Protein backbone atom coordinates (compact mmCIF):
# COMPACT_ATOMS: atom_id res chain seq x y z
CA UNK A 1 0.00 0.00 0.00
CA UNK A 2 1.14 3.53 -0.71
CA UNK A 3 1.34 6.49 1.68
CA UNK A 4 -1.31 8.36 -0.32
CA UNK A 5 -3.95 5.94 0.99
CA UNK A 6 -3.22 7.02 4.56
CA UNK A 7 -3.16 10.68 3.51
CA UNK A 8 -6.50 10.25 1.72
CA UNK A 9 -8.07 8.66 4.79
CA UNK A 10 -6.63 11.28 7.15
CA UNK A 11 -8.16 14.01 4.99
CA UNK A 12 -11.53 12.24 5.02
CA UNK A 13 -11.58 11.82 1.25
CA UNK A 14 -13.33 8.74 -0.12
CA UNK A 15 -12.00 6.73 -3.02
CA UNK A 16 -14.95 7.92 -5.08
CA UNK A 17 -14.15 11.57 -4.29
CA UNK A 18 -10.45 11.15 -5.09
CA UNK A 19 -11.39 9.43 -8.34
CA UNK A 20 -13.58 12.39 -9.26
CA UNK A 21 -10.84 14.86 -8.28
CA UNK A 22 -8.23 13.11 -10.44
CA UNK A 23 -10.25 11.82 -13.37
CA UNK A 24 -9.13 8.25 -12.60
CA UNK A 25 -11.87 5.64 -12.40
CA UNK A 26 -12.72 4.45 -8.92
CA UNK A 27 -12.02 0.84 -9.87
CA UNK A 28 -8.56 1.72 -11.23
CA UNK A 29 -7.81 3.80 -8.12
CA UNK A 30 -8.88 0.89 -5.93
CA UNK A 31 -6.51 -1.44 -7.80
CA UNK A 32 -3.64 1.03 -7.35
CA UNK A 33 -4.38 1.31 -3.63
CA UNK A 34 -4.37 -2.48 -3.24
CA UNK A 35 -1.15 -2.86 -5.23
CA UNK A 36 -2.89 -4.74 -8.03
CA UNK A 37 -2.12 -2.08 -10.64
CA UNK A 38 0.94 0.06 -11.26
CA UNK A 39 -0.09 3.70 -11.52
CA UNK A 40 0.79 5.59 -14.67
CA UNK A 41 3.22 8.49 -14.02
CA UNK A 42 0.48 10.99 -14.87
CA UNK A 43 -1.78 9.39 -12.30
CA UNK A 44 0.87 9.73 -9.62
CA UNK A 45 1.07 13.46 -10.23
CA UNK A 46 -2.73 13.92 -10.25
CA UNK A 47 -3.18 11.92 -7.04
CA UNK A 48 -0.39 13.76 -5.23
CA UNK A 49 -1.68 17.17 -6.32
CA UNK A 50 -5.26 16.33 -5.32
CA UNK A 51 -4.02 15.39 -1.84
CA UNK A 52 -1.75 18.42 -1.51
CA UNK A 53 1.51 16.52 -1.40
CA UNK A 54 4.35 15.53 -3.73
CA UNK A 55 4.72 12.28 -5.64
CA UNK A 56 7.74 11.19 -3.61
CA UNK A 57 5.72 11.24 -0.39
CA UNK A 58 2.41 10.04 -1.84
CA UNK A 59 3.98 6.99 -3.44
CA UNK A 60 6.19 5.80 -0.63
CA UNK A 61 5.31 2.20 0.07
CA UNK A 62 4.01 1.26 3.49
CA UNK A 63 5.09 -1.90 5.25
CA UNK A 64 2.52 -4.44 6.38
CA UNK A 65 2.18 -2.77 9.78
CA UNK A 66 1.38 0.64 8.31
CA UNK A 67 4.87 2.11 8.68
CA UNK A 68 7.04 3.34 5.85
CA UNK A 69 9.37 0.85 4.21
CA UNK A 70 13.04 1.73 4.50
PDB file of N, CA and C in Angstrom:
ATOM      1  N   UNK A   1       0.852  -1.171   0.000  1.00  0.00           N
ATOM      2  CA  UNK A   1       0.000   0.000   0.000  1.00  0.00           C
ATOM      3  C   UNK A   1       0.900   1.236   0.000  1.00  0.00           C
ATOM      4  N   UNK A   2       0.395   2.290  -0.612  1.00  0.00           N
ATOM      5  CA  UNK A   2       1.140   3.534  -0.707  1.00  0.00           C
ATOM      6  C   UNK A   2       0.714   4.530   0.379  1.00  0.00           C
ATOM      7  N   UNK A   3       1.595   5.452   0.684  1.00  0.00           N
ATOM      8  CA  UNK A   3       1.344   6.486   1.684  1.00  0.00           C
ATOM      9  C   UNK A   3       0.110   7.318   1.329  1.00  0.00           C
ATOM     10  N   UNK A   4      -0.170   7.514   0.046  1.00  0.00           N
ATOM     11  CA  UNK A   4      -1.308   8.361  -0.315  1.00  0.00           C
ATOM     12  C   UNK A   4      -2.624   7.819   0.217  1.00  0.00           C
ATOM     13  N   UNK A   5      -2.715   6.514   0.436  1.00  0.00           N
ATOM     14  CA  UNK A   5      -3.948   5.941   0.986  1.00  0.00           C
ATOM     15  C   UNK A   5      -4.170   6.475   2.395  1.00  0.00           C
ATOM     16  N   UNK A   6      -3.115   6.501   3.195  1.00  0.00           N
ATOM     17  CA  UNK A   6      -3.216   7.024   4.559  1.00  0.00           C
ATOM     18  C   UNK A   6      -3.515   8.522   4.544  1.00  0.00           C
ATOM     19  N   UNK A   7      -2.902   9.248   3.627  1.00  0.00           N
ATOM     20  CA  UNK A   7      -3.163  10.682   3.506  1.00  0.00           C
ATOM     21  C   UNK A   7      -4.624  10.907   3.126  1.00  0.00           C
ATOM     22  N   UNK A   8      -5.103  10.136   2.149  1.00  0.00           N
ATOM     23  CA  UNK A   8      -6.501  10.252   1.720  1.00  0.00           C
ATOM     24  C   UNK A   8      -7.449  10.033   2.884  1.00  0.00           C
ATOM     25  N   UNK A   9      -7.207   8.977   3.646  1.00  0.00           N
ATOM     26  CA  UNK A   9      -8.075   8.658   4.786  1.00  0.00           C
ATOM     27  C   UNK A   9      -8.001   9.736   5.862  1.00  0.00           C
ATOM     28  N   UNK A  10      -6.799  10.237   6.130  1.00  0.00           N
ATOM     29  CA  UNK A  10      -6.626  11.282   7.145  1.00  0.00           C
ATOM     30  C   UNK A  10      -7.365  12.565   6.762  1.00  0.00           C
ATOM     31  N   UNK A  11      -7.441  12.830   5.474  1.00  0.00           N
ATOM     32  CA  UNK A  11      -8.158  14.012   4.989  1.00  0.00           C
ATOM     33  C   UNK A  11      -9.661  13.787   4.882  1.00  0.00           C
ATOM     34  N   UNK A  12     -10.104  12.553   5.101  1.00  0.00           N
ATOM     35  CA  UNK A  12     -11.528  12.239   5.023  1.00  0.00           C
ATOM     36  C   UNK A  12     -12.056  12.214   3.604  1.00  0.00           C
ATOM     37  N   UNK A  13     -11.188  11.869   2.655  1.00  0.00           N
ATOM     38  CA  UNK A  13     -11.582  11.817   1.247  1.00  0.00           C
ATOM     39  C   UNK A  13     -11.838  10.359   0.863  1.00  0.00           C
ATOM     40  N   UNK A  14     -12.994  10.104   0.312  1.00  0.00           N
ATOM     41  CA  UNK A  14     -13.330   8.744  -0.118  1.00  0.00           C
ATOM     42  C   UNK A  14     -12.611   8.421  -1.420  1.00  0.00           C
ATOM     43  N   UNK A  15     -12.560   7.136  -1.725  1.00  0.00           N
ATOM     44  CA  UNK A  15     -12.004   6.729  -3.020  1.00  0.00           C
ATOM     45  C   UNK A  15     -12.793   7.354  -4.154  1.00  0.00           C
ATOM     46  N   UNK A  16     -14.101   7.364  -4.030  1.00  0.00           N
ATOM     47  CA  UNK A  16     -14.949   7.922  -5.078  1.00  0.00           C
ATOM     48  C   UNK A  16     -14.648   9.404  -5.277  1.00  0.00           C
ATOM     49  N   UNK A  17     -14.455  10.130  -4.188  1.00  0.00           N
ATOM     50  CA  UNK A  17     -14.151  11.568  -4.291  1.00  0.00           C
ATOM     51  C   UNK A  17     -12.782  11.784  -4.922  1.00  0.00           C
ATOM     52  N   UNK A  18     -11.779  11.004  -4.502  1.00  0.00           N
ATOM     53  CA  UNK A  18     -10.449  11.148  -5.086  1.00  0.00           C
ATOM     54  C   UNK A  18     -10.478  10.797  -6.571  1.00  0.00           C
ATOM     55  N   UNK A  19     -11.249   9.795  -6.925  1.00  0.00           N
ATOM     56  CA  UNK A  19     -11.390   9.427  -8.339  1.00  0.00           C
ATOM     57  C   UNK A  19     -11.960  10.604  -9.129  1.00  0.00           C
ATOM     58  N   UNK A  20     -12.977  11.248  -8.581  1.00  0.00           N
ATOM     59  CA  UNK A  20     -13.577  12.394  -9.258  1.00  0.00           C
ATOM     60  C   UNK A  20     -12.595  13.562  -9.348  1.00  0.00           C
ATOM     61  N   UNK A  21     -11.806  13.762  -8.310  1.00  0.00           N
ATOM     62  CA  UNK A  21     -10.838  14.861  -8.283  1.00  0.00           C
ATOM     63  C   UNK A  21      -9.715  14.666  -9.298  1.00  0.00           C
ATOM     64  N   UNK A  22      -9.385  13.412  -9.595  1.00  0.00           N
ATOM     65  CA  UNK A  22      -8.233  13.110 -10.442  1.00  0.00           C
ATOM     66  C   UNK A  22      -8.594  12.678 -11.855  1.00  0.00           C
ATOM     67  N   UNK A  23      -9.852  12.320 -12.065  1.00  0.00           N
ATOM     68  CA  UNK A  23     -10.253  11.817 -13.374  1.00  0.00           C
ATOM     69  C   UNK A  23      -9.843  10.372 -13.605  1.00  0.00           C
ATOM     70  N   UNK A  24      -9.492   9.673 -12.537  1.00  0.00           N
ATOM     71  CA  UNK A  24      -9.132   8.249 -12.597  1.00  0.00           C
ATOM     72  C   UNK A  24     -10.357   7.466 -12.139  1.00  0.00           C
ATOM     73  N   UNK A  25     -10.683   6.394 -12.821  1.00  0.00           N
ATOM     74  CA  UNK A  25     -11.868   5.637 -12.401  1.00  0.00           C
ATOM     75  C   UNK A  25     -11.673   5.091 -10.994  1.00  0.00           C
ATOM     76  N   UNK A  26     -12.791   4.957 -10.280  1.00  0.00           N
ATOM     77  CA  UNK A  26     -12.725   4.451  -8.917  1.00  0.00           C
ATOM     78  C   UNK A  26     -12.163   3.038  -8.883  1.00  0.00           C
ATOM     79  N   UNK A  27     -12.520   2.218  -9.858  1.00  0.00           N
ATOM     80  CA  UNK A  27     -12.023   0.837  -9.870  1.00  0.00           C
ATOM     81  C   UNK A  27     -10.508   0.809 -10.101  1.00  0.00           C
ATOM     82  N   UNK A  28     -10.007   1.660 -10.993  1.00  0.00           N
ATOM     83  CA  UNK A  28      -8.565   1.717 -11.230  1.00  0.00           C
ATOM     84  C   UNK A  28      -7.844   2.240  -9.987  1.00  0.00           C
ATOM     85  N   UNK A  29      -8.408   3.250  -9.344  1.00  0.00           N
ATOM     86  CA  UNK A  29      -7.812   3.799  -8.125  1.00  0.00           C
ATOM     87  C   UNK A  29      -7.771   2.736  -7.027  1.00  0.00           C
ATOM     88  N   UNK A  30      -8.839   1.969  -6.912  1.00  0.00           N
ATOM     89  CA  UNK A  30      -8.884   0.889  -5.932  1.00  0.00           C
ATOM     90  C   UNK A  30      -7.787  -0.132  -6.199  1.00  0.00           C
ATOM     91  N   UNK A  31      -7.562  -0.481  -7.446  1.00  0.00           N
ATOM     92  CA  UNK A  31      -6.511  -1.438  -7.796  1.00  0.00           C
ATOM     93  C   UNK A  31      -5.128  -0.890  -7.470  1.00  0.00           C
ATOM     94  N   UNK A  32      -4.918   0.406  -7.707  1.00  0.00           N
ATOM     95  CA  UNK A  32      -3.637   1.032  -7.354  1.00  0.00           C
ATOM     96  C   UNK A  32      -3.446   0.975  -5.840  1.00  0.00           C
ATOM     97  N   UNK A  33      -4.478   1.326  -5.088  1.00  0.00           N
ATOM     98  CA  UNK A  33      -4.383   1.315  -3.625  1.00  0.00           C
ATOM     99  C   UNK A  33      -4.059  -0.072  -3.090  1.00  0.00           C
ATOM    100  N   UNK A  34      -4.596  -1.103  -3.710  1.00  0.00           N
ATOM    101  CA  UNK A  34      -4.368  -2.480  -3.239  1.00  0.00           C
ATOM    102  C   UNK A  34      -3.095  -3.098  -3.805  1.00  0.00           C
ATOM    103  N   UNK A  35      -2.382  -2.343  -4.650  1.00  0.00           N
ATOM    104  CA  UNK A  35      -1.149  -2.855  -5.233  1.00  0.00           C
ATOM    105  C   UNK A  35      -1.371  -3.823  -6.377  1.00  0.00           C
ATOM    106  N   UNK A  36      -2.563  -3.839  -6.925  1.00  0.00           N
ATOM    107  CA  UNK A  36      -2.893  -4.741  -8.030  1.00  0.00           C
ATOM    108  C   UNK A  36      -2.645  -4.107  -9.391  1.00  0.00           C
ATOM    109  N   UNK A  37      -2.348  -2.807  -9.388  1.00  0.00           N
ATOM    110  CA  UNK A  37      -2.123  -2.080 -10.639  1.00  0.00           C
ATOM    111  C   UNK A  37      -1.034  -1.051 -10.400  1.00  0.00           C
ATOM    112  N   UNK A  38      -0.125  -0.949 -11.338  1.00  0.00           N
ATOM    113  CA  UNK A  38       0.941   0.059 -11.265  1.00  0.00           C
ATOM    114  C   UNK A  38       0.368   1.364 -11.809  1.00  0.00           C
ATOM    115  N   UNK A  39       0.470   2.442 -11.032  1.00  0.00           N
ATOM    116  CA  UNK A  39      -0.090   3.702 -11.523  1.00  0.00           C
ATOM    117  C   UNK A  39       0.752   4.306 -12.639  1.00  0.00           C
ATOM    118  N   UNK A  40       0.088   4.862 -13.623  1.00  0.00           N
ATOM    119  CA  UNK A  40       0.791   5.594 -14.672  1.00  0.00           C
ATOM    120  C   UNK A  40       1.437   6.827 -14.036  1.00  0.00           C
ATOM    121  N   UNK A  41       2.577   7.289 -14.577  1.00  0.00           N
ATOM    122  CA  UNK A  41       3.221   8.485 -14.018  1.00  0.00           C
ATOM    123  C   UNK A  41       2.279   9.688 -13.936  1.00  0.00           C
ATOM    124  N   UNK A  42       1.443   9.884 -14.913  1.00  0.00           N
ATOM    125  CA  UNK A  42       0.484  10.991 -14.869  1.00  0.00           C
ATOM    126  C   UNK A  42      -0.508  10.853 -13.733  1.00  0.00           C
ATOM    127  N   UNK A  43      -0.871   9.624 -13.424  1.00  0.00           N
ATOM    128  CA  UNK A  43      -1.780   9.385 -12.303  1.00  0.00           C
ATOM    129  C   UNK A  43      -1.112   9.756 -10.995  1.00  0.00           C
ATOM    130  N   UNK A  44       0.151   9.415 -10.860  1.00  0.00           N
ATOM    131  CA  UNK A  44       0.872   9.733  -9.625  1.00  0.00           C
ATOM    132  C   UNK A  44       0.828  11.231  -9.361  1.00  0.00           C
ATOM    133  N   UNK A  45       1.077  12.010 -10.382  1.00  0.00           N
ATOM    134  CA  UNK A  45       1.074  13.464 -10.231  1.00  0.00           C
ATOM    135  C   UNK A  45      -0.321  13.963  -9.855  1.00  0.00           C
ATOM    136  N   UNK A  46      -1.355  13.470 -10.524  1.00  0.00           N
ATOM    137  CA  UNK A  46      -2.725  13.920 -10.252  1.00  0.00           C
ATOM    138  C   UNK A  46      -3.168  13.546  -8.844  1.00  0.00           C
ATOM    139  N   UNK A  47      -2.819  12.341  -8.395  1.00  0.00           N
ATOM    140  CA  UNK A  47      -3.184  11.920  -7.042  1.00  0.00           C
ATOM    141  C   UNK A  47      -2.469  12.778  -6.008  1.00  0.00           C
ATOM    142  N   UNK A  48      -1.171  12.961  -6.187  1.00  0.00           N
ATOM    143  CA  UNK A  48      -0.391  13.765  -5.234  1.00  0.00           C
ATOM    144  C   UNK A  48      -0.926  15.190  -5.158  1.00  0.00           C
ATOM    145  N   UNK A  49      -1.170  15.797  -6.296  1.00  0.00           N
ATOM    146  CA  UNK A  49      -1.679  17.172  -6.315  1.00  0.00           C
ATOM    147  C   UNK A  49      -3.049  17.269  -5.649  1.00  0.00           C
ATOM    148  N   UNK A  50      -3.921  16.314  -5.909  1.00  0.00           N
ATOM    149  CA  UNK A  50      -5.259  16.329  -5.317  1.00  0.00           C
ATOM    150  C   UNK A  50      -5.195  16.241  -3.795  1.00  0.00           C
ATOM    151  N   UNK A  51      -4.165  15.561  -3.286  1.00  0.00           N
ATOM    152  CA  UNK A  51      -4.020  15.387  -1.838  1.00  0.00           C
ATOM    153  C   UNK A  51      -3.092  16.429  -1.211  1.00  0.00           C
ATOM    154  N   UNK A  52      -2.587  17.345  -2.026  1.00  0.00           N
ATOM    155  CA  UNK A  52      -1.751  18.419  -1.506  1.00  0.00           C
ATOM    156  C   UNK A  52      -0.370  17.985  -1.062  1.00  0.00           C
ATOM    157  N   UNK A  53       0.179  17.006  -1.745  1.00  0.00           N
ATOM    158  CA  UNK A  53       1.515  16.523  -1.402  1.00  0.00           C
ATOM    159  C   UNK A  53       2.309  16.312  -2.692  1.00  0.00           C
ATOM    160  N   UNK A  54       3.525  15.800  -2.551  1.00  0.00           N
ATOM    161  CA  UNK A  54       4.350  15.528  -3.727  1.00  0.00           C
ATOM    162  C   UNK A  54       4.334  14.029  -4.025  1.00  0.00           C
ATOM    163  N   UNK A  55       4.720  13.688  -5.235  1.00  0.00           N
ATOM    164  CA  UNK A  55       4.720  12.281  -5.643  1.00  0.00           C
ATOM    165  C   UNK A  55       5.633  11.431  -4.769  1.00  0.00           C
ATOM    166  N   UNK A  56       6.778  11.964  -4.400  1.00  0.00           N
ATOM    167  CA  UNK A  56       7.744  11.194  -3.608  1.00  0.00           C
ATOM    168  C   UNK A  56       7.147  10.737  -2.277  1.00  0.00           C
ATOM    169  N   UNK A  57       6.359  11.611  -1.660  1.00  0.00           N
ATOM    170  CA  UNK A  57       5.718  11.245  -0.387  1.00  0.00           C
ATOM    171  C   UNK A  57       4.495  10.371  -0.647  1.00  0.00           C
ATOM    172  N   UNK A  58       3.657  10.771  -1.583  1.00  0.00           N
ATOM    173  CA  UNK A  58       2.411  10.044  -1.844  1.00  0.00           C
ATOM    174  C   UNK A  58       2.655   8.594  -2.223  1.00  0.00           C
ATOM    175  N   UNK A  59       3.752   8.340  -2.935  1.00  0.00           N
ATOM    176  CA  UNK A  59       3.980   6.987  -3.439  1.00  0.00           C
ATOM    177  C   UNK A  59       5.082   6.230  -2.714  1.00  0.00           C
ATOM    178  N   UNK A  60       5.338   6.634  -1.470  1.00  0.00           N
ATOM    179  CA  UNK A  60       6.193   5.798  -0.628  1.00  0.00           C
ATOM    180  C   UNK A  60       5.375   4.569  -0.266  1.00  0.00           C
ATOM    181  N   UNK A  61       6.020   3.425  -0.287  1.00  0.00           N
ATOM    182  CA  UNK A  61       5.310   2.195   0.065  1.00  0.00           C
ATOM    183  C   UNK A  61       5.290   2.040   1.577  1.00  0.00           C
ATOM    184  N   UNK A  62       4.158   1.542   2.070  1.00  0.00           N
ATOM    185  CA  UNK A  62       4.010   1.263   3.490  1.00  0.00           C
ATOM    186  C   UNK A  62       4.278  -0.215   3.739  1.00  0.00           C
ATOM    187  N   UNK A  63       4.871  -0.504   4.875  1.00  0.00           N
ATOM    188  CA  UNK A  63       5.087  -1.902   5.249  1.00  0.00           C
ATOM    189  C   UNK A  63       3.754  -2.485   5.709  1.00  0.00           C
ATOM    190  N   UNK A  64       3.732  -3.754   5.960  1.00  0.00           N
ATOM    191  CA  UNK A  64       2.515  -4.437   6.376  1.00  0.00           C
ATOM    192  C   UNK A  64       1.898  -3.909   7.641  1.00  0.00           C
ATOM    193  N   UNK A  65       2.705  -3.284   8.519  1.00  0.00           N
ATOM    194  CA  UNK A  65       2.180  -2.772   9.776  1.00  0.00           C
ATOM    195  C   UNK A  65       1.805  -1.303   9.691  1.00  0.00           C
ATOM    196  N   UNK A  66       1.803  -0.745   8.487  1.00  0.00           N
ATOM    197  CA  UNK A  66       1.377   0.638   8.308  1.00  0.00           C
ATOM    198  C   UNK A  66       2.514   1.650   8.348  1.00  0.00           C
ATOM    199  N   UNK A  67       3.724   1.202   8.669  1.00  0.00           N
ATOM    200  CA  UNK A  67       4.871   2.105   8.677  1.00  0.00           C
ATOM    201  C   UNK A  67       5.493   2.179   7.310  1.00  0.00           C
ATOM    202  N   UNK A  68       6.345   3.177   7.129  1.00  0.00           N
ATOM    203  CA  UNK A  68       7.036   3.336   5.852  1.00  0.00           C
ATOM    204  C   UNK A  68       8.110   2.290   5.708  1.00  0.00           C
ATOM    205  N   UNK A  69       8.272   1.781   4.486  1.00  0.00           N
ATOM    206  CA  UNK A  69       9.373   0.852   4.205  1.00  0.00           C
ATOM    207  C   UNK A  69      10.659   1.642   4.120  1.00  0.00           C
ATOM    208  N   UNK A  70      11.735   1.040   4.577  1.00  0.00           N
ATOM    209  CA  UNK A  70      13.045   1.725   4.499  1.00  0.00           C
ATOM    210  C   UNK A  70      13.929   1.061   3.481  1.00  0.00           C
TER     211      UNK A  70
END
